[in-house]
Amino acid sequence: MSQLEKGQVECPFSGHGDDLVNVKFFRGRRDDIITVDELKAEARSADNQLRMKTAIISHAAPVSMHEVIEVAEFAASL
């Protein structure tokens, strides 16, 4: 059984001796399911940008076009 099947996915930033990196992923305007492979590709891209010193580091999250929802209410409705 693979690590993915066990619910354990290797962290893309888990290099030996590397500093931890705080990365945030934002959905943007997508409403479909974001795959594991897409998340890994974005993580690799973020790591490469950091290493090449080309990363644009923002101090605020982008504003979503989606309506604000109360997470507790959403979870209760599932």
N, C-alpha and C. Protein backbone atom coordinates (compact mmCIF):
# COMPACT_ATOMS: atom_id res chain seq x y z
N MET A 1 0.85 -1.17 0.00
CA MET A 1 0.00 0.00 0.00
C MET A 1 0.90 1.24 0.00
N SER A 2 0.58 2.21 -0.86
CA SER A 2 1.41 3.41 -0.96
C SER A 2 1.11 4.39 0.17
N GLN A 3 2.01 5.35 0.34
CA GLN A 3 1.81 6.37 1.37
C GLN A 3 0.53 7.16 1.09
N LEU A 4 0.24 7.42 -0.19
CA LEU A 4 -0.96 8.16 -0.56
C LEU A 4 -2.21 7.38 -0.16
N GLU A 5 -2.19 6.06 -0.39
CA GLU A 5 -3.33 5.22 -0.02
C GLU A 5 -3.52 5.17 1.49
N LYS A 6 -2.45 5.34 2.24
CA LYS A 6 -2.52 5.36 3.70
C LYS A 6 -2.94 6.73 4.22
N GLY A 7 -3.12 7.69 3.32
CA GLY A 7 -3.48 9.05 3.74
C GLY A 7 -2.27 9.87 4.14
N GLN A 8 -1.08 9.38 3.81
CA GLN A 8 0.15 10.10 4.13
C GLN A 8 0.81 10.54 2.83
N VAL A 9 0.96 11.82 2.66
CA VAL A 9 1.57 12.35 1.45
C VAL A 9 2.86 13.06 1.85
N GLU A 10 3.92 12.80 1.11
CA GLU A 10 5.20 13.42 1.40
C GLU A 10 5.10 14.93 1.23
N CYS A 11 5.66 15.66 2.16
CA CYS A 11 5.66 17.12 2.08
C CYS A 11 6.68 17.56 1.04
N PRO A 12 6.28 18.38 0.06
CA PRO A 12 7.22 18.82 -0.97
C PRO A 12 8.37 19.65 -0.42
N PHE A 13 8.24 20.19 0.79
CA PHE A 13 9.28 21.02 1.37
C PHE A 13 10.00 20.31 2.51
N SER A 14 10.06 18.98 2.45
CA SER A 14 10.63 18.24 3.56
C SER A 14 12.08 17.82 3.29
N GLY A 15 12.83 18.69 2.65
CA GLY A 15 14.23 18.38 2.37
C GLY A 15 15.03 18.30 3.66
N HIS A 16 16.04 17.49 3.66
CA HIS A 16 16.87 17.32 4.85
C HIS A 16 17.73 18.55 5.05
N GLY A 17 17.60 19.17 6.22
CA GLY A 17 18.42 20.32 6.55
C GLY A 17 17.90 21.63 6.00
N ASP A 18 16.82 21.62 5.22
CA ASP A 18 16.27 22.86 4.67
C ASP A 18 15.43 23.57 5.71
N ASP A 19 15.33 24.88 5.58
CA ASP A 19 14.44 25.66 6.43
C ASP A 19 13.00 25.39 6.02
N LEU A 20 12.09 25.47 6.98
CA LEU A 20 10.66 25.33 6.66
C LEU A 20 10.19 26.58 5.94
N VAL A 21 9.24 26.40 5.04
CA VAL A 21 8.70 27.50 4.24
C VAL A 21 7.21 27.57 4.48
N ASN A 22 6.69 28.76 4.75
CA ASN A 22 5.27 28.95 4.95
C ASN A 22 4.64 29.26 3.59
N VAL A 23 3.89 28.31 3.06
CA VAL A 23 3.27 28.45 1.74
C VAL A 23 1.77 28.39 1.91
N LYS A 24 1.07 29.29 1.25
CA LYS A 24 -0.39 29.28 1.28
C LYS A 24 -0.89 29.11 -0.15
N PHE A 25 -1.89 28.25 -0.31
CA PHE A 25 -2.49 28.03 -1.62
C PHE A 25 -3.87 28.68 -1.62
N PHE A 26 -4.19 29.40 -2.67
CA PHE A 26 -5.49 30.06 -2.80
C PHE A 26 -6.20 29.48 -4.01
N ARG A 27 -7.48 29.18 -3.84
CA ARG A 27 -8.28 28.58 -4.90
C ARG A 27 -8.46 29.49 -6.10
N GLY A 28 -8.50 30.78 -5.85
CA GLY A 28 -8.84 31.68 -6.94
C GLY A 28 -10.30 31.54 -7.29
N ARG A 29 -10.60 31.47 -8.57
CA ARG A 29 -12.00 31.39 -9.00
C ARG A 29 -12.41 29.97 -9.37
N ARG A 30 -11.56 28.99 -9.04
CA ARG A 30 -11.87 27.60 -9.37
C ARG A 30 -12.91 27.03 -8.42
N ASP A 31 -13.85 26.28 -8.99
CA ASP A 31 -14.86 25.61 -8.18
C ASP A 31 -14.73 24.09 -8.27
N ASP A 32 -13.81 23.62 -9.13
CA ASP A 32 -13.66 22.17 -9.28
C ASP A 32 -12.66 21.63 -8.25
N ILE A 33 -12.48 20.34 -8.27
CA ILE A 33 -11.56 19.69 -7.33
C ILE A 33 -10.13 19.91 -7.79
N ILE A 34 -9.27 20.31 -6.85
CA ILE A 34 -7.85 20.50 -7.14
C ILE A 34 -7.16 19.19 -6.79
N THR A 35 -6.44 18.62 -7.75
CA THR A 35 -5.85 17.31 -7.57
C THR A 35 -4.55 17.37 -6.76
N VAL A 36 -4.15 16.22 -6.26
CA VAL A 36 -2.88 16.10 -5.52
C VAL A 36 -1.72 16.50 -6.44
N ASP A 37 -1.77 16.05 -7.69
CA ASP A 37 -0.69 16.38 -8.62
C ASP A 37 -0.59 17.88 -8.86
N GLU A 38 -1.74 18.56 -8.93
CA GLU A 38 -1.71 20.01 -9.10
C GLU A 38 -1.10 20.71 -7.89
N LEU A 39 -1.46 20.24 -6.70
CA LEU A 39 -0.88 20.82 -5.48
C LEU A 39 0.63 20.59 -5.43
N LYS A 40 1.07 19.39 -5.79
CA LYS A 40 2.50 19.10 -5.79
C LYS A 40 3.23 19.98 -6.81
N ALA A 41 2.64 20.16 -7.99
CA ALA A 41 3.26 21.01 -9.01
C ALA A 41 3.37 22.45 -8.52
N GLU A 42 2.35 22.95 -7.87
CA GLU A 42 2.39 24.31 -7.33
C GLU A 42 3.45 24.42 -6.23
N ALA A 43 3.55 23.39 -5.39
CA ALA A 43 4.56 23.38 -4.33
C ALA A 43 5.97 23.38 -4.92
N ARG A 44 6.19 22.56 -5.96
CA ARG A 44 7.51 22.54 -6.61
C ARG A 44 7.82 23.89 -7.22
N SER A 45 6.82 24.51 -7.85
CA SER A 45 7.01 25.82 -8.44
C SER A 45 7.37 26.86 -7.38
N ALA A 46 6.67 26.82 -6.25
CA ALA A 46 6.96 27.75 -5.16
C ALA A 46 8.36 27.54 -4.63
N ASP A 47 8.77 26.27 -4.48
CA ASP A 47 10.12 25.96 -4.00
C ASP A 47 11.16 26.47 -4.98
N ASN A 48 10.95 26.25 -6.28
CA ASN A 48 11.89 26.73 -7.30
C ASN A 48 12.00 28.25 -7.28
N GLN A 49 10.86 28.94 -7.15
CA GLN A 49 10.87 30.40 -7.11
C GLN A 49 11.64 30.90 -5.89
N LEU A 50 11.46 30.21 -4.78
CA LEU A 50 12.16 30.60 -3.56
C LEU A 50 13.66 30.41 -3.73
N ARG A 51 14.06 29.27 -4.26
CA ARG A 51 15.49 28.97 -4.46
C ARG A 51 16.14 29.92 -5.46
N MET A 52 15.40 30.30 -6.52
CA MET A 52 15.95 31.19 -7.55
C MET A 52 15.77 32.67 -7.19
N LYS A 53 15.14 32.91 -6.03
CA LYS A 53 14.88 34.28 -5.55
C LYS A 53 14.04 35.08 -6.54
N THR A 54 13.07 34.40 -7.17
CA THR A 54 12.15 35.07 -8.07
C THR A 54 10.72 35.11 -7.51
N ALA A 55 10.56 34.62 -6.27
CA ALA A 55 9.24 34.56 -5.66
C ALA A 55 8.72 35.95 -5.36
N ILE A 56 7.47 36.18 -5.68
CA ILE A 56 6.79 37.43 -5.31
C ILE A 56 6.03 37.12 -4.03
N ILE A 57 6.47 37.71 -2.95
CA ILE A 57 5.89 37.43 -1.64
C ILE A 57 4.91 38.53 -1.28
N SER A 58 3.64 38.16 -1.18
CA SER A 58 2.60 39.14 -0.85
C SER A 58 2.36 39.14 0.66
N HIS A 59 1.89 40.24 1.15
CA HIS A 59 1.61 40.35 2.58
C HIS A 59 0.13 40.23 2.89
N ALA A 60 -0.70 40.06 1.86
CA ALA A 60 -2.14 39.92 2.05
C ALA A 60 -2.68 38.89 1.07
N ALA A 61 -3.65 38.14 1.50
CA ALA A 61 -4.28 37.16 0.62
C ALA A 61 -5.14 37.86 -0.43
N PRO A 62 -5.27 37.27 -1.60
CA PRO A 62 -6.16 37.86 -2.61
C PRO A 62 -7.60 37.82 -2.12
N VAL A 63 -8.39 38.75 -2.58
CA VAL A 63 -9.80 38.82 -2.20
C VAL A 63 -10.60 37.89 -3.10
N SER A 64 -11.36 37.00 -2.49
CA SER A 64 -12.14 36.03 -3.24
C SER A 64 -13.41 36.67 -3.79
N MET A 65 -13.82 36.18 -4.95
CA MET A 65 -15.08 36.62 -5.55
C MET A 65 -16.26 35.80 -5.00
N HIS A 66 -15.95 34.73 -4.23
CA HIS A 66 -17.00 33.90 -3.66
C HIS A 66 -17.59 34.58 -2.43
N GLU A 67 -18.84 34.26 -2.14
CA GLU A 67 -19.47 34.83 -0.95
C GLU A 67 -18.84 34.24 0.31
N VAL A 68 -18.84 35.00 1.37
CA VAL A 68 -18.29 34.55 2.64
C VAL A 68 -19.27 33.55 3.27
N ILE A 69 -18.73 32.43 3.76
CA ILE A 69 -19.58 31.44 4.42
C ILE A 69 -19.02 31.15 5.81
N GLU A 70 -19.89 30.75 6.70
CA GLU A 70 -19.48 30.36 8.04
C GLU A 70 -19.12 28.87 7.98
N VAL A 71 -17.86 28.54 8.25
CA VAL A 71 -17.39 27.18 8.10
C VAL A 71 -18.15 26.21 9.01
N ALA A 72 -18.45 26.61 10.22
CA ALA A 72 -19.19 25.72 11.14
C ALA A 72 -20.57 25.39 10.59
N GLU A 73 -21.24 26.36 10.01
CA GLU A 73 -22.55 26.13 9.42
C GLU A 73 -22.44 25.22 8.18
N PHE A 74 -21.41 25.46 7.37
CA PHE A 74 -21.20 24.64 6.18
C PHE A 74 -20.96 23.19 6.57
N ALA A 75 -20.08 22.97 7.56
CA ALA A 75 -19.77 21.61 8.01
C ALA A 75 -21.00 20.94 8.59
N ALA A 76 -21.82 21.69 9.32
CA ALA A 76 -23.03 21.13 9.92
C ALA A 76 -24.04 20.71 8.84
N SER A 77 -24.02 21.40 7.70
CA SER A 77 -24.97 21.08 6.64
C SER A 77 -24.57 19.86 5.82
N LEU A 78 -23.34 19.37 6.01
CA LEU A 78 -22.89 18.20 5.24
C LEU A 78 -23.51 16.97 5.73
